[in-house]
Protein backbone atom coordinates (compact mmCIF):
# COMPACT_ATOMS: atom_id res chain seq x y z
CA MET A 1 10.69 5.60 -1.80
CA LEU A 2 12.26 2.84 -0.16
CA THR A 3 8.91 0.63 -1.51
CA LYS A 4 9.61 1.68 -4.99
CA ILE A 5 13.26 0.05 -4.52
CA TRP A 6 11.43 -3.08 -3.08
CA GLU A 7 8.84 -3.22 -6.00
CA ARG A 8 11.66 -2.96 -8.93
CA LEU A 9 14.10 -5.66 -6.81
CA ARG A 10 11.01 -7.82 -6.76
CA GLY A 11 9.83 -6.91 -10.33
CA TYR A 12 6.43 -5.91 -9.01
CA ASP A 13 7.02 -2.74 -11.38
CA LYS A 14 7.07 -4.96 -14.52
CA TRP A 15 3.80 -6.84 -13.53
CA ILE A 16 0.26 -5.55 -15.09
CA GLN A 17 -1.42 -2.83 -13.15
CA THR A 18 -5.07 -3.17 -13.23
CA GLU A 19 -7.81 -2.48 -10.90
CA ALA A 20 -9.52 -5.52 -8.68
CA THR A 21 -12.94 -5.49 -7.28
CA ILE A 22 -13.75 -6.12 -3.88
CA LEU A 23 -16.31 -9.22 -4.21
CA SER A 24 -16.64 -9.84 -0.49
CA SER A 25 -15.68 -7.99 2.70
CA GLU A 26 -15.92 -10.03 6.16
CA LEU A 27 -15.60 -8.13 9.39
CA THR A 28 -13.83 -10.49 12.11
CA GLU A 29 -14.22 -9.31 15.79
CA PRO A 30 -11.14 -8.92 18.09
CA ASP A 31 -10.37 -12.39 19.51
CA ALA A 32 -12.98 -14.08 17.80
CA GLY A 33 -12.88 -17.58 16.91
CA LEU A 34 -8.65 -17.83 17.95
CA GLU A 35 -7.81 -20.96 19.90
CA ARG A 36 -5.72 -20.40 23.41
CA ASN A 37 -2.38 -20.88 21.29
CA GLU A 38 -3.28 -18.82 18.41
CA LYS A 39 -4.27 -16.07 20.95
CA ARG A 40 -0.32 -16.23 22.15
CA SER A 41 0.64 -15.61 19.30
CA ASN A 42 -1.07 -13.04 17.55
CA LEU A 43 -0.96 -10.59 20.54
CA GLY A 44 0.02 -7.70 18.26
CA SER A 45 -3.43 -7.96 16.62
CA LEU A 46 -5.29 -9.13 19.31
CA PHE A 47 -7.45 -6.29 20.04
CA GLN A 48 -8.30 -5.10 16.91
CA TRP A 49 -10.94 -5.99 14.50
CA HIS A 50 -9.91 -7.26 11.03
CA SER A 51 -11.14 -7.30 7.52
CA THR A 52 -11.00 -10.35 5.22
CA CYS A 53 -11.60 -9.34 1.53
CA VAL A 54 -11.91 -11.43 -1.67
CA ILE A 55 -10.83 -9.28 -4.48
CA GLY A 56 -11.32 -9.90 -8.36
CA TRP A 57 -9.64 -8.74 -11.50
CA THR A 58 -9.61 -10.07 -15.20
CA ASP A 59 -6.22 -10.57 -17.04
CA VAL A 60 -5.16 -9.25 -20.41
CA SER A 61 -6.55 -12.61 -22.15
CA GLY A 62 -9.81 -11.94 -20.43
CA ILE A 63 -9.76 -14.57 -17.44
CA SER A 64 -11.04 -14.00 -14.16
CA HIS A 65 -9.07 -14.45 -11.08
CA LYS A 66 -9.62 -13.50 -7.35
CA GLY A 67 -7.44 -13.51 -4.60
CA SER A 68 -8.10 -12.62 -0.92
CA TYR A 69 -6.13 -10.57 2.07
CA THR A 70 -6.67 -9.77 5.75
CA VAL A 71 -6.02 -6.65 7.73
CA PRO A 72 -6.25 -5.31 10.81
CA GLU A 73 -8.56 -2.08 11.42
CA LEU A 74 -5.95 0.83 11.20
CA SER A 75 -5.22 -0.30 7.57
CA PRO A 76 -6.50 1.81 5.16
CA LEU A 77 -7.87 -1.30 3.40
CA PHE A 78 -10.07 -2.06 6.24
CA GLN A 79 -12.52 0.51 4.90
CA LEU A 80 -13.10 -1.23 1.69
CA TYR A 81 -16.12 -2.85 0.89
CA GLU A 82 -18.16 -4.95 -1.99
CA GLY A 83 -18.07 -2.92 -5.14
CA GLN A 84 -15.12 -0.64 -4.85
CA THR A 85 -11.98 -1.40 -6.47
CA VAL A 86 -8.69 -1.57 -5.18
CA PRO A 87 -5.33 -0.93 -7.94
CA ILE A 88 -3.52 -4.20 -8.03
CA ARG A 89 -0.51 -5.50 -10.03
CA TYR A 90 -0.63 -9.02 -11.36
CA ASN A 91 2.04 -11.48 -12.84
CA PRO A 92 1.69 -11.66 -16.46
CA ALA A 93 3.47 -15.17 -16.10
CA CYS A 94 0.97 -16.02 -13.44
CA PRO A 95 -2.32 -13.76 -13.84
CA GLY A 96 -3.51 -15.37 -10.37
CA GLU A 97 -0.61 -14.18 -8.35
CA TYR A 98 -1.03 -10.55 -7.23
CA TYR A 99 0.56 -7.70 -5.34
CA LEU A 100 -1.29 -5.02 -3.56
CA HIS A 101 0.93 -2.02 -2.65
CA GLU A 102 -1.05 -1.19 0.65
CA LEU A 103 -0.84 -4.50 1.86
CA PHE A 104 2.94 -4.68 1.59
CA ILE A 105 3.01 -1.32 3.59
CA ASN A 106 0.82 -2.62 6.21
CA LYS A 107 2.67 -5.79 6.99
CA ALA A 108 6.00 -3.86 6.59
CA ALA A 109 4.89 -1.48 9.37
CA SER A 110 3.30 -4.37 11.49
CA THR A 111 7.00 -6.09 11.17
CA LEU A 112 8.62 -2.95 12.15
CA LYS A 113 6.28 -2.68 15.08
CA ARG A 114 7.01 -6.12 16.53
CA THR A 115 10.60 -5.98 15.81
CA LEU A 116 10.99 -2.62 17.96
CA PHE A 117 8.79 -4.15 20.38
CA ILE A 118 11.47 -7.26 20.91
CA ALA A 119 14.11 -5.08 20.89
CA TRP A 120 12.91 -3.06 23.59
CA PHE A 121 11.61 -5.89 25.58
CA ALA A 122 15.09 -7.20 25.23
CA PHE A 123 16.99 -4.19 26.04
CA CYS A 124 14.81 -3.69 29.15
CA LEU A 125 15.27 -7.50 29.99
CA LEU A 126 19.45 -6.99 29.50
CA MET A 127 19.36 -3.55 31.79
CA PHE A 128 17.36 -5.55 34.67
CA ALA A 129 20.13 -8.45 34.20
CA TYR A 130 22.84 -6.01 34.25
CA SER A 131 21.68 -4.40 37.59
CA LEU A 132 21.19 -7.44 39.21
CA TRP A 133 24.64 -8.52 38.43
CA ARG A 134 25.95 -5.12 39.70
CA HIS A 135 23.70 -5.35 42.80
CA PHE A 136 25.23 -8.95 43.71
CA HIS A 137 29.16 -8.10 42.74
């Protein structure tokens, strides 16, 4: 329900719905190709496989477009492979711009998990500091 509200607010409900075809799908193993500083910033997805898919669709005027996305292994989009289709919406004013509902859900869930983790960590740190303060006062 919240996603439907978000889609209406962003105007995605007015975009044209079509099927995009998976043109290619490439798996990346955990930790592969990341530099040391990137590993620190990607701790949440560090130990997961990732799939990068290139999708293609045709707009109403018959012009082909491509886009790509990367998702971790826990996403339902991770299972997709070349030749399969996925429902998307594309912007009629800029047909190369697309919206993939499942990708939005994946990103929102990931952001929520990170936020909750940070809030929990901050709470624990605050409680530890408070207990130290009480101990020395």
